[in-house]
Amino acid sequence: MGGNHAIATNNVVFRNANLAITNRGSDWYFTVMSLMGISTLAVLVWGFSRPQNSRIFHYITTGILAVATISYFSMGSGLGQDPIAVEFVRGGKVRAAGTREIFYVRYIDWFVTTPLLLLDLLLTSGMPFPTILSIIFADLIMIVCGLVGAPTSTRYKWGYFVFGCAAFLYVVWGLLFEGRRHASALGGSISRTYNMCGVLTIFVWFLYPIAWGVSEGGNVIHPDSEAVFYGILDLIAKPVFGFLLLWGHRSIDPRDLGLHFRDTPLGESRHHMEKHPIAADGIQNGTHNGVNNGVNNGVNPGVTPGVNTGVHNGIHNETHPTNPTNVV
């Protein structure tokens, strides 16, 4: 039989909530998964067209999209979820229910992808790495607060909501002021790309607390509607953001951002190894010096490496006693 049978097939894997996604919600999750997967492959192929030392943003974006693809596959399959007792029992479209389906896999996704997304954006600004770490740490606090608050069935869940929002405001401060200041100092396409992607990120991320408040938090909307809300936000925050960022980076040299990566052509590396089979790059000079010292010591037995120069200078000074400048 055709059609989507994921929910029916996997309903014995985990405990089931009274209020959970239907086949329509599952279909939507699989649609988002497909879009994430196609975007993952597109960005990966795009990255291969760039020099190896210019692919860091393509690799980071590929990682973001790949994790999101797996996450949406899990949610579309009805997996990675747990029923939690709701604080507010609703009627109407959100039928009266004692438990609601909460996808903890979504928070695992965010715990991995949002720091990478911020890394993508903040590296573009040329921001110092310690400041980047502080903003990413605040982001992780925000995600953990959402994860702990979601399964809490009492009003104490809103305490975690407040803590998460406070951490989020620190992230916004870092993007809006610190990141913008550093990007503006670099100017040109760097500043334009950062401002475009930064404004998009701040706008979309402000909608996530609202989505949390009407779904996991307040149990206002049905899980199918929750799927649509979060799915649209994730599509904007990840594939749309990623393509805009990478399009801006087509004219940005990573070295202008303080990112220096060595890119040795494979053919050149092979030629070097064939010419110097026992000396890797960076060791040839050391080998050469070692051989010279060994030869000198063979000619002058009893003289250790490093003393040879001193002995030579001493002999030279004995030969030319009136030339003190030779003593080094």
C-alpha atoms as a PDB file:
ATOM      1  CA  MET A   1       0.000   0.000   0.000  1.00  0.00           C
ATOM      2  CA  GLY A   2       1.191   3.521  -0.780  1.00  0.00           C
ATOM      3  CA  GLY A   3       1.143   6.551   1.456  1.00  0.00           C
ATOM      4  CA  ASN A   4       2.946   7.510   4.633  1.00  0.00           C
ATOM      5  CA  HIS A   5       2.697   4.808   7.307  1.00  0.00           C
ATOM      6  CA  ALA A   6       5.575   6.008   9.516  1.00  0.00           C
ATOM      7  CA  ILE A   7       3.379   6.973  12.467  1.00  0.00           C
ATOM      8  CA  ALA A   8       1.476   3.680  12.423  1.00  0.00           C
ATOM      9  CA  THR A   9       4.674   1.670  12.037  1.00  0.00           C
ATOM     10  CA  ASN A  10       6.590   3.366  14.839  1.00  0.00           C
ATOM     11  CA  ASN A  11       3.823   3.858  17.388  1.00  0.00           C
ATOM     12  CA  VAL A  12       5.136   0.832  19.310  1.00  0.00           C
ATOM     13  CA  VAL A  13       8.690   2.180  19.596  1.00  0.00           C
ATOM     14  CA  PHE A  14       8.032   4.906  22.179  1.00  0.00           C
ATOM     15  CA  ARG A  15       5.230   5.751  24.548  1.00  0.00           C
ATOM     16  CA  ASN A  16       2.483   7.643  22.754  1.00  0.00           C
ATOM     17  CA  ALA A  17       1.008  10.957  23.861  1.00  0.00           C
ATOM     18  CA  ASN A  18      -2.682  11.796  23.847  1.00  0.00           C
ATOM     19  CA  LEU A  19      -1.857  14.750  21.601  1.00  0.00           C
ATOM     20  CA  ALA A  20       0.605  13.963  18.806  1.00  0.00           C
ATOM     21  CA  ILE A  21       1.277  14.636  15.132  1.00  0.00           C
ATOM     22  CA  THR A  22      -0.965  13.021  12.540  1.00  0.00           C
ATOM     23  CA  ASN A  23      -0.027  11.779   9.081  1.00  0.00           C
ATOM     24  CA  ARG A  24      -0.319  15.356   7.824  1.00  0.00           C
ATOM     25  CA  GLY A  25       2.280  16.509  10.335  1.00  0.00           C
ATOM     26  CA  SER A  26       4.486  13.574   9.396  1.00  0.00           C
ATOM     27  CA  ASP A  27       4.165  14.429   5.691  1.00  0.00           C
ATOM     28  CA  TRP A  28       5.266  18.008   6.418  1.00  0.00           C
ATOM     29  CA  TYR A  29       8.275  16.862   8.451  1.00  0.00           C
ATOM     30  CA  PHE A  30       9.361  14.577   5.606  1.00  0.00           C
ATOM     31  CA  THR A  31       8.937  17.469   3.140  1.00  0.00           C
ATOM     32  CA  VAL A  32      11.253  19.645   5.223  1.00  0.00           C
ATOM     33  CA  MET A  33      13.668  16.711   5.518  1.00  0.00           C
ATOM     34  CA  SER A  34      13.806  16.455   1.711  1.00  0.00           C
ATOM     35  CA  LEU A  35      14.503  20.161   1.321  1.00  0.00           C
ATOM     36  CA  MET A  36      17.231  19.973   3.968  1.00  0.00           C
ATOM     37  CA  GLY A  37      18.781  16.932   2.288  1.00  0.00           C
ATOM     38  CA  ILE A  38      18.798  18.509  -1.185  1.00  0.00           C
ATOM     39  CA  SER A  39      20.340  21.663   0.280  1.00  0.00           C
ATOM     40  CA  THR A  40      23.018  19.576   2.021  1.00  0.00           C
ATOM     41  CA  LEU A  41      24.121  17.995  -1.253  1.00  0.00           C
ATOM     42  CA  ALA A  42      23.980  21.310  -3.120  1.00  0.00           C
ATOM     43  CA  VAL A  43      26.207  23.087  -0.592  1.00  0.00           C
ATOM     44  CA  LEU A  44      28.647  20.160  -0.470  1.00  0.00           C
ATOM     45  CA  VAL A  45      29.013  20.118  -4.274  1.00  0.00           C
ATOM     46  CA  TRP A  46      29.316  23.911  -4.284  1.00  0.00           C
ATOM     47  CA  GLY A  47      32.155  23.635  -1.787  1.00  0.00           C
ATOM     48  CA  PHE A  48      34.107  21.266  -4.040  1.00  0.00           C
ATOM     49  CA  SER A  49      34.217  24.012  -6.677  1.00  0.00           C
ATOM     50  CA  ARG A  50      36.194  26.225  -4.292  1.00  0.00           C
ATOM     51  CA  PRO A  51      39.887  25.960  -3.322  1.00  0.00           C
ATOM     52  CA  GLN A  52      40.400  23.762  -0.263  1.00  0.00           C
ATOM     53  CA  ASN A  53      41.525  26.690   1.887  1.00  0.00           C
ATOM     54  CA  SER A  54      38.277  28.547   1.094  1.00  0.00           C
ATOM     55  CA  ARG A  55      35.766  25.825   1.980  1.00  0.00           C
ATOM     56  CA  ILE A  56      35.343  26.330   5.717  1.00  0.00           C
ATOM     57  CA  PHE A  57      31.960  28.070   5.410  1.00  0.00           C
ATOM     58  CA  HIS A  58      30.705  25.440   2.960  1.00  0.00           C
ATOM     59  CA  TYR A  59      31.718  22.655   5.339  1.00  0.00           C
ATOM     60  CA  ILE A  60      30.106  24.317   8.364  1.00  0.00           C
ATOM     61  CA  THR A  61      26.886  24.938   6.427  1.00  0.00           C
ATOM     62  CA  THR A  62      26.893  21.358   5.135  1.00  0.00           C
ATOM     63  CA  GLY A  63      27.140  20.104   8.720  1.00  0.00           C
ATOM     64  CA  ILE A  64      24.200  22.282   9.787  1.00  0.00           C
ATOM     65  CA  LEU A  65      21.985  21.004   6.981  1.00  0.00           C
ATOM     66  CA  ALA A  66      23.009  17.363   7.388  1.00  0.00           C
ATOM     67  CA  VAL A  67      22.102  17.333  11.095  1.00  0.00           C
ATOM     68  CA  ALA A  68      18.786  19.056  10.344  1.00  0.00           C
ATOM     69  CA  THR A  69      18.023  16.426   7.691  1.00  0.00           C
ATOM     70  CA  ILE A  70      18.464  13.608  10.211  1.00  0.00           C
ATOM     71  CA  SER A  71      16.418  15.487  12.798  1.00  0.00           C
ATOM     72  CA  TYR A  72      13.471  15.976  10.441  1.00  0.00           C
ATOM     73  CA  PHE A  73      13.636  12.357   9.337  1.00  0.00           C
ATOM     74  CA  SER A  74      13.299  11.365  13.000  1.00  0.00           C
ATOM     75  CA  MET A  75      10.352  13.669  13.627  1.00  0.00           C
ATOM     76  CA  GLY A  76       8.605  12.646  10.425  1.00  0.00           C
ATOM     77  CA  SER A  77       8.950   9.045  11.550  1.00  0.00           C
ATOM     78  CA  GLY A  78       7.424   9.838  14.931  1.00  0.00           C
ATOM     79  CA  LEU A  79      10.725   9.032  16.639  1.00  0.00           C
ATOM     80  CA  GLY A  80      12.866  11.012  19.058  1.00  0.00           C
ATOM     81  CA  GLN A  81       9.820  12.106  21.078  1.00  0.00           C
ATOM     82  CA  ASP A  82       8.370  11.642  24.543  1.00  0.00           C
ATOM     83  CA  PRO A  83       4.883  12.354  25.953  1.00  0.00           C
ATOM     84  CA  ILE A  84       4.831  14.976  28.706  1.00  0.00           C
ATOM     85  CA  ALA A  85       2.044  16.075  31.004  1.00  0.00           C
ATOM     86  CA  VAL A  86       0.809  19.494  29.895  1.00  0.00           C
ATOM     87  CA  GLU A  87       0.365  22.463  32.222  1.00  0.00           C
ATOM     88  CA  PHE A  88      -2.696  23.742  30.345  1.00  0.00           C
ATOM     89  CA  VAL A  89      -5.318  21.296  29.043  1.00  0.00           C
ATOM     90  CA  ARG A  90      -7.025  22.864  26.026  1.00  0.00           C
ATOM     91  CA  GLY A  91     -10.192  22.156  24.084  1.00  0.00           C
ATOM     92  CA  GLY A  92     -11.333  22.929  20.547  1.00  0.00           C
ATOM     93  CA  LYS A  93      -8.761  22.232  17.860  1.00  0.00           C
ATOM     94  CA  VAL A  94      -6.270  21.304  20.538  1.00  0.00           C
ATOM     95  CA  ARG A  95      -8.405  18.554  21.930  1.00  0.00           C
ATOM     96  CA  ALA A  96      -8.437  17.901  25.657  1.00  0.00           C
ATOM     97  CA  ALA A  97      -5.327  15.919  26.423  1.00  0.00           C
ATOM     98  CA  GLY A  98      -3.326  14.989  29.470  1.00  0.00           C
ATOM     99  CA  THR A  99      -0.073  14.485  27.590  1.00  0.00           C
ATOM    100  CA  ARG A 100       1.548  16.160  24.589  1.00  0.00           C
ATOM    101  CA  GLU A 101       4.226  14.862  22.245  1.00  0.00           C
ATOM    102  CA  ILE A 102       7.558  16.675  22.710  1.00  0.00           C
ATOM    103  CA  PHE A 103      10.362  16.053  20.211  1.00  0.00           C
ATOM    104  CA  TYR A 104      13.607  16.073  22.197  1.00  0.00           C
ATOM    105  CA  VAL A 105      15.450  15.306  18.929  1.00  0.00           C
ATOM    106  CA  ARG A 106      14.666  18.892  17.900  1.00  0.00           C
ATOM    107  CA  TYR A 107      16.744  20.185  20.823  1.00  0.00           C
ATOM    108  CA  ILE A 108      19.597  17.830  19.963  1.00  0.00           C
ATOM    109  CA  ASP A 109      19.471  19.319  16.468  1.00  0.00           C
ATOM    110  CA  TRP A 110      19.555  22.871  17.818  1.00  0.00           C
ATOM    111  CA  PHE A 111      22.338  22.058  20.294  1.00  0.00           C
ATOM    112  CA  VAL A 112      24.554  21.087  17.347  1.00  0.00           C
ATOM    113  CA  THR A 113      23.356  23.384  14.564  1.00  0.00           C
ATOM    114  CA  THR A 114      22.811  26.755  16.259  1.00  0.00           C
ATOM    115  CA  PRO A 115      26.444  27.054  17.487  1.00  0.00           C
ATOM    116  CA  LEU A 116      27.608  26.139  13.968  1.00  0.00           C
ATOM    117  CA  LEU A 117      25.241  28.702  12.471  1.00  0.00           C
ATOM    118  CA  LEU A 118      26.583  31.379  14.818  1.00  0.00           C
ATOM    119  CA  LEU A 119      30.137  30.292  13.989  1.00  0.00           C
ATOM    120  CA  ASP A 120      29.337  30.744  10.291  1.00  0.00           C
ATOM    121  CA  LEU A 121      28.046  34.244  10.928  1.00  0.00           C
ATOM    122  CA  LEU A 122      30.561  35.462  13.515  1.00  0.00           C
ATOM    123  CA  LEU A 123      33.593  34.247  11.573  1.00  0.00           C
ATOM    124  CA  THR A 124      32.238  36.315   8.693  1.00  0.00           C
ATOM    125  CA  SER A 125      32.358  39.404  10.902  1.00  0.00           C
ATOM    126  CA  GLY A 126      36.036  38.887  11.735  1.00  0.00           C
ATOM    127  CA  MET A 127      35.183  38.895  15.447  1.00  0.00           C
ATOM    128  CA  PRO A 128      37.895  37.751  17.920  1.00  0.00           C
ATOM    129  CA  PHE A 129      37.533  34.115  18.869  1.00  0.00           C
ATOM    130  CA  PRO A 130      37.063  34.673  22.642  1.00  0.00           C
ATOM    131  CA  THR A 131      34.005  36.837  21.940  1.00  0.00           C
ATOM    132  CA  ILE A 132      32.684  34.210  19.530  1.00  0.00           C
ATOM    133  CA  LEU A 133      32.992  31.579  22.268  1.00  0.00           C
ATOM    134  CA  SER A 134      31.049  33.713  24.745  1.00  0.00           C
ATOM    135  CA  ILE A 135      28.164  34.168  22.304  1.00  0.00           C
ATOM    136  CA  ILE A 136      28.094  30.463  21.454  1.00  0.00           C
ATOM    137  CA  PHE A 137      28.077  29.599  25.170  1.00  0.00           C
ATOM    138  CA  ALA A 138      25.039  31.858  25.686  1.00  0.00           C
ATOM    139  CA  ASP A 139      23.356  30.103  22.768  1.00  0.00           C
ATOM    140  CA  LEU A 140      23.934  26.700  24.397  1.00  0.00           C
ATOM    141  CA  ILE A 141      22.402  27.974  27.638  1.00  0.00           C
ATOM    142  CA  MET A 142      19.353  29.077  25.641  1.00  0.00           C
ATOM    143  CA  ILE A 143      18.927  25.643  24.033  1.00  0.00           C
ATOM    144  CA  VAL A 144      19.391  23.734  27.297  1.00  0.00           C
ATOM    145  CA  CYS A 145      16.809  25.946  29.012  1.00  0.00           C
ATOM    146  CA  GLY A 146      14.315  25.159  26.255  1.00  0.00           C
ATOM    147  CA  LEU A 147      15.041  21.435  26.550  1.00  0.00           C
ATOM    148  CA  VAL A 148      14.611  21.377  30.334  1.00  0.00           C
ATOM    149  CA  GLY A 149      11.548  23.621  30.283  1.00  0.00           C
ATOM    150  CA  ALA A 150       9.668  21.710  27.557  1.00  0.00           C
ATOM    151  CA  PRO A 151       8.974  18.518  29.598  1.00  0.00           C
ATOM    152  CA  THR A 152       8.219  20.431  32.816  1.00  0.00           C
ATOM    153  CA  SER A 153       4.488  20.277  33.510  1.00  0.00           C
ATOM    154  CA  THR A 154       4.319  22.983  36.183  1.00  0.00           C
ATOM    155  CA  ARG A 155       4.583  26.759  35.975  1.00  0.00           C
ATOM    156  CA  TYR A 156       8.281  26.452  36.790  1.00  0.00           C
ATOM    157  CA  LYS A 157       8.850  25.787  33.088  1.00  0.00           C
ATOM    158  CA  TRP A 158       8.457  29.529  32.545  1.00  0.00           C
ATOM    159  CA  GLY A 159      11.488  30.127  34.745  1.00  0.00           C
ATOM    160  CA  TYR A 160      13.566  28.229  32.182  1.00  0.00           C
ATOM    161  CA  PHE A 161      11.836  30.247  29.473  1.00  0.00           C
ATOM    162  CA  VAL A 162      13.000  33.488  31.123  1.00  0.00           C
ATOM    163  CA  PHE A 163      16.572  32.189  31.544  1.00  0.00           C
ATOM    164  CA  GLY A 164      16.605  31.135  27.892  1.00  0.00           C
ATOM    165  CA  CYS A 165      15.317  34.514  26.737  1.00  0.00           C
ATOM    166  CA  ALA A 166      18.006  36.283  28.788  1.00  0.00           C
ATOM    167  CA  ALA A 167      20.692  34.177  27.096  1.00  0.00           C
ATOM    168  CA  PHE A 168      19.064  34.884  23.734  1.00  0.00           C
ATOM    169  CA  LEU A 169      19.260  38.649  24.356  1.00  0.00           C
ATOM    170  CA  TYR A 170      23.004  38.283  24.948  1.00  0.00           C
ATOM    171  CA  VAL A 171      23.280  36.517  21.590  1.00  0.00           C
ATOM    172  CA  VAL A 172      21.303  39.335  19.942  1.00  0.00           C
ATOM    173  CA  TRP A 173      23.585  41.907  21.582  1.00  0.00           C
ATOM    174  CA  GLY A 174      26.645  40.093  20.208  1.00  0.00           C
ATOM    175  CA  LEU A 175      25.217  39.956  16.688  1.00  0.00           C
ATOM    176  CA  LEU A 176      23.754  43.438  16.631  1.00  0.00           C
ATOM    177  CA  PHE A 177      26.610  45.400  18.184  1.00  0.00           C
ATOM    178  CA  GLU A 178      29.868  43.436  18.454  1.00  0.00           C
ATOM    179  CA  GLY A 179      29.541  41.538  15.187  1.00  0.00           C
ATOM    180  CA  ARG A 180      28.320  44.546  13.272  1.00  0.00           C
ATOM    181  CA  ARG A 181      31.165  46.701  14.597  1.00  0.00           C
ATOM    182  CA  HIS A 182      33.838  44.260  13.470  1.00  0.00           C
ATOM    183  CA  ALA A 183      32.205  43.645  10.083  1.00  0.00           C
ATOM    184  CA  SER A 184      31.853  47.380   9.445  1.00  0.00           C
ATOM    185  CA  ALA A 185      35.545  47.846  10.178  1.00  0.00           C
ATOM    186  CA  LEU A 186      36.374  45.355   7.417  1.00  0.00           C
ATOM    187  CA  GLY A 187      33.806  46.923   5.079  1.00  0.00           C
ATOM    188  CA  GLY A 188      32.913  45.957   1.514  1.00  0.00           C
ATOM    189  CA  SER A 189      31.314  42.583   0.789  1.00  0.00           C
ATOM    190  CA  ILE A 190      32.161  41.372   4.307  1.00  0.00           C
ATOM    191  CA  SER A 191      30.014  44.056   5.904  1.00  0.00           C
ATOM    192  CA  ARG A 192      27.181  43.586   3.388  1.00  0.00           C
ATOM    193  CA  THR A 193      27.104  39.811   3.812  1.00  0.00           C
ATOM    194  CA  TYR A 194      27.209  39.973   7.604  1.00  0.00           C
ATOM    195  CA  ASN A 195      24.489  42.628   7.847  1.00  0.00           C
ATOM    196  CA  MET A 196      22.193  40.760   5.453  1.00  0.00           C
ATOM    197  CA  CYS A 197      22.555  37.400   7.200  1.00  0.00           C
ATOM    198  CA  GLY A 198      22.669  38.910  10.682  1.00  0.00           C
ATOM    199  CA  VAL A 199      19.386  40.782  10.269  1.00  0.00           C
ATOM    200  CA  LEU A 200      17.748  37.628   8.879  1.00  0.00           C
ATOM    201  CA  THR A 201      19.012  35.553  11.819  1.00  0.00           C
ATOM    202  CA  ILE A 202      17.853  38.006  14.489  1.00  0.00           C
ATOM    203  CA  PHE A 203      14.407  38.349  12.913  1.00  0.00           C
ATOM    204  CA  VAL A 204      13.839  34.590  12.568  1.00  0.00           C
ATOM    205  CA  TRP A 205      15.293  33.725  15.974  1.00  0.00           C
ATOM    206  CA  PHE A 206      12.904  36.155  17.674  1.00  0.00           C
ATOM    207  CA  LEU A 207      10.041  33.953  16.416  1.00  0.00           C
ATOM    208  CA  TYR A 208      11.356  30.759  18.035  1.00  0.00           C
ATOM    209  CA  PRO A 209      10.391  31.751  21.605  1.00  0.00           C
ATOM    210  CA  ILE A 210       6.886  32.499  20.308  1.00  0.00           C
ATOM    211  CA  ALA A 211       6.723  29.061  18.680  1.00  0.00           C
ATOM    212  CA  TRP A 212       7.900  27.462  21.930  1.00  0.00           C
ATOM    213  CA  GLY A 213       5.368  29.432  23.976  1.00  0.00           C
ATOM    214  CA  VAL A 214       2.349  28.321  21.921  1.00  0.00           C
ATOM    215  CA  SER A 215       3.451  24.692  21.542  1.00  0.00           C
ATOM    216  CA  GLU A 216       5.633  23.034  24.186  1.00  0.00           C
ATOM    217  CA  GLY A 217       5.088  25.868  26.618  1.00  0.00           C
ATOM    218  CA  GLY A 218       1.420  26.816  26.564  1.00  0.00           C
ATOM    219  CA  ASN A 219      -0.108  23.901  24.611  1.00  0.00           C
ATOM    220  CA  VAL A 220      -2.064  26.398  22.488  1.00  0.00           C
ATOM    221  CA  ILE A 221      -1.629  24.916  18.992  1.00  0.00           C
ATOM    222  CA  HIS A 222      -1.846  21.336  17.732  1.00  0.00           C
ATOM    223  CA  PRO A 223       1.441  19.435  17.133  1.00  0.00           C
ATOM    224  CA  ASP A 224       0.708  19.504  13.387  1.00  0.00           C
ATOM    225  CA  SER A 225       0.607  23.306  13.506  1.00  0.00           C
ATOM    226  CA  GLU A 226       3.745  23.233  15.644  1.00  0.00           C
ATOM    227  CA  ALA A 227       5.429  21.204  12.904  1.00  0.00           C
ATOM    228  CA  VAL A 228       4.543  23.830  10.282  1.00  0.00           C
ATOM    229  CA  PHE A 229       5.639  26.734  12.520  1.00  0.00           C
ATOM    230  CA  TYR A 230       9.025  25.259  13.410  1.00  0.00           C
ATOM    231  CA  GLY A 231       9.537  23.841   9.913  1.00  0.00           C
ATOM    232  CA  ILE A 232       9.159  27.220   8.208  1.00  0.00           C
ATOM    233  CA  LEU A 233      11.473  28.863  10.736  1.00  0.00           C
ATOM    234  CA  ASP A 234      14.125  26.169  10.284  1.00  0.00           C
ATOM    235  CA  LEU A 235      13.967  26.407   6.491  1.00  0.00           C
ATOM    236  CA  ILE A 236      14.631  30.144   6.682  1.00  0.00           C
ATOM    237  CA  ALA A 237      17.228  29.889   9.452  1.00  0.00           C
ATOM    238  CA  LYS A 238      19.231  27.111   7.784  1.00  0.00           C
ATOM    239  CA  PRO A 239      19.018  26.604   3.990  1.00  0.00           C
ATOM    240  CA  VAL A 240      17.976  30.181   3.133  1.00  0.00           C
ATOM    241  CA  PHE A 241      20.521  31.631   5.560  1.00  0.00           C
ATOM    242  CA  GLY A 242      23.218  29.232   4.334  1.00  0.00           C
ATOM    243  CA  PHE A 243      22.796  30.022   0.640  1.00  0.00           C
ATOM    244  CA  LEU A 244      22.743  33.777   1.299  1.00  0.00           C
ATOM    245  CA  LEU A 245      25.899  33.543   3.401  1.00  0.00           C
ATOM    246  CA  LEU A 246      27.773  31.426   0.871  1.00  0.00           C
ATOM    247  CA  TRP A 247      26.663  33.656  -1.987  1.00  0.00           C
ATOM    248  CA  GLY A 248      28.186  36.594  -0.130  1.00  0.00           C
ATOM    249  CA  HIS A 249      31.384  34.614   0.480  1.00  0.00           C
ATOM    250  CA  ARG A 250      31.969  34.057  -3.224  1.00  0.00           C
ATOM    251  CA  SER A 251      33.910  37.356  -3.272  1.00  0.00           C
ATOM    252  CA  ILE A 252      35.436  37.126   0.224  1.00  0.00           C
ATOM    253  CA  ASP A 253      38.937  35.752   0.822  1.00  0.00           C
ATOM    254  CA  PRO A 254      39.096  33.931   4.206  1.00  0.00           C
ATOM    255  CA  ARG A 255      42.463  35.608   4.812  1.00  0.00           C
ATOM    256  CA  ASP A 256      40.651  38.947   4.967  1.00  0.00           C
ATOM    257  CA  LEU A 257      38.793  37.548   7.987  1.00  0.00           C
ATOM    258  CA  GLY A 258      41.995  36.442   9.712  1.00  0.00           C
ATOM    259  CA  LEU A 259      41.496  32.812   8.633  1.00  0.00           C
ATOM    260  CA  HIS A 260      44.677  31.291   7.200  1.00  0.00           C
ATOM    261  CA  PHE A 261      44.633  27.737   5.857  1.00  0.00           C
ATOM    262  CA  ARG A 262      47.476  26.117   3.923  1.00  0.00           C
ATOM    263  CA  ASP A 263      46.449  24.668   0.568  1.00  0.00           C
ATOM    264  CA  THR A 264      49.203  22.498  -0.953  1.00  0.00           C
ATOM    265  CA  PRO A 265      48.291  21.074  -4.389  1.00  0.00           C
ATOM    266  CA  LEU A 266      48.364  17.281  -4.379  1.00  0.00           C
ATOM    267  CA  GLY A 267      50.675  17.093  -7.394  1.00  0.00           C
ATOM    268  CA  GLU A 268      53.214  19.426  -5.817  1.00  0.00           C
ATOM    269  CA  SER A 269      53.174  17.461  -2.573  1.00  0.00           C
ATOM    270  CA  ARG A 270      53.773  14.163  -4.427  1.00  0.00           C
ATOM    271  CA  HIS A 271      56.642  15.693  -6.436  1.00  0.00           C
ATOM    272  CA  HIS A 272      58.253  16.959  -3.239  1.00  0.00           C
ATOM    273  CA  MET A 273      58.051  13.546  -1.562  1.00  0.00           C
ATOM    274  CA  GLU A 274      59.486  11.781  -4.618  1.00  0.00           C
ATOM    275  CA  LYS A 275      62.383  14.216  -4.705  1.00  0.00           C
ATOM    276  CA  HIS A 276      62.993  13.970  -0.953  1.00  0.00           C
ATOM    277  CA  PRO A 277      61.694  10.514   0.032  1.00  0.00           C
ATOM    278  CA  ILE A 278      62.907  10.670   3.641  1.00  0.00           C
ATOM    279  CA  ALA A 279      62.130  14.320   4.292  1.00  0.00           C
ATOM    280  CA  ALA A 280      58.631  15.674   4.771  1.00  0.00           C
ATOM    281  CA  ASP A 281      57.844  19.345   4.257  1.00  0.00           C
ATOM    282  CA  GLY A 282      59.567  21.447   6.902  1.00  0.00           C
ATOM    283  CA  ILE A 283      62.129  18.715   7.847  1.00  0.00           C
ATOM    284  CA  GLN A 284      64.487  19.056   4.847  1.00  0.00           C
ATOM    285  CA  ASN A 285      66.400  21.978   6.325  1.00  0.00           C
ATOM    286  CA  GLY A 286      66.821  20.156   9.592  1.00  0.00           C
ATOM    287  CA  THR A 287      68.135  17.043   7.812  1.00  0.00           C
ATOM    288  CA  HIS A 288      70.513  19.150   5.740  1.00  0.00           C
ATOM    289  CA  ASN A 289      71.909  20.894   8.830  1.00  0.00           C
ATOM    290  CA  GLY A 290      72.220  17.586  10.639  1.00  0.00           C
ATOM    291  CA  VAL A 291      74.256  16.084   7.775  1.00  0.00           C
ATOM    292  CA  ASN A 292      76.548  19.137   7.657  1.00  0.00           C
ATOM    293  CA  ASN A 293      77.160  18.950  11.390  1.00  0.00           C
ATOM    294  CA  GLY A 294      77.896  15.231  11.091  1.00  0.00           C
ATOM    295  CA  VAL A 295      80.451  15.843   8.324  1.00  0.00           C
ATOM    296  CA  ASN A 296      82.104  18.647  10.277  1.00  0.00           C
ATOM    297  CA  ASN A 297      82.302  16.478  13.369  1.00  0.00           C
ATOM    298  CA  GLY A 298      83.856  13.657  11.331  1.00  0.00           C
ATOM    299  CA  VAL A 299      86.553  16.014  10.121  1.00  0.00           C
ATOM    300  CA  ASN A 300      87.008  17.483  13.601  1.00  0.00           C
ATOM    301  CA  PRO A 301      86.498  14.500  15.966  1.00  0.00           C
ATOM    302  CA  GLY A 302      85.625  15.370  19.511  1.00  0.00           C
ATOM    303  CA  VAL A 303      83.766  18.511  18.534  1.00  0.00           C
ATOM    304  CA  THR A 304      80.048  18.284  19.193  1.00  0.00           C
ATOM    305  CA  PRO A 305      77.364  19.904  17.070  1.00  0.00           C
ATOM    306  CA  GLY A 306      76.774  23.447  18.185  1.00  0.00           C
ATOM    307  CA  VAL A 307      80.404  23.839  19.402  1.00  0.00           C
ATOM    308  CA  ASN A 308      81.835  23.764  15.904  1.00  0.00           C
ATOM    309  CA  THR A 309      81.139  27.436  15.296  1.00  0.00           C
ATOM    310  CA  GLY A 310      82.703  28.437  18.593  1.00  0.00           C
ATOM    311  CA  VAL A 311      85.873  26.408  17.855  1.00  0.00           C
ATOM    312  CA  HIS A 312      86.083  27.917  14.390  1.00  0.00           C
ATOM    313  CA  ASN A 313      85.813  31.427  15.798  1.00  0.00           C
ATOM    314  CA  GLY A 314      88.425  30.684  18.438  1.00  0.00           C
ATOM    315  CA  ILE A 315      90.929  29.458  15.845  1.00  0.00           C
ATOM    316  CA  HIS A 316      90.167  32.480  13.711  1.00  0.00           C
ATOM    317  CA  ASN A 317      90.832  34.848  16.625  1.00  0.00           C
ATOM    318  CA  GLU A 318      94.121  33.142  17.410  1.00  0.00           C
ATOM    319  CA  THR A 319      95.159  33.653  13.813  1.00  0.00           C
ATOM    320  CA  HIS A 320      94.042  37.322  13.815  1.00  0.00           C
ATOM    321  CA  PRO A 321      94.608  38.583  17.402  1.00  0.00           C
ATOM    322  CA  THR A 322      94.109  42.196  16.402  1.00  0.00           C
ATOM    323  CA  ASN A 323      90.608  41.613  15.087  1.00  0.00           C
ATOM    324  CA  PRO A 324      88.368  41.376  18.199  1.00  0.00           C
ATOM    325  CA  THR A 325      85.219  41.871  16.205  1.00  0.00           C
ATOM    326  CA  ASN A 326      85.408  38.245  15.118  1.00  0.00           C
ATOM    327  CA  VAL A 327      84.536  37.112  18.620  1.00  0.00           C
ATOM    328  CA  VAL A 328      80.768  36.423  18.436  1.00  0.00           C
END
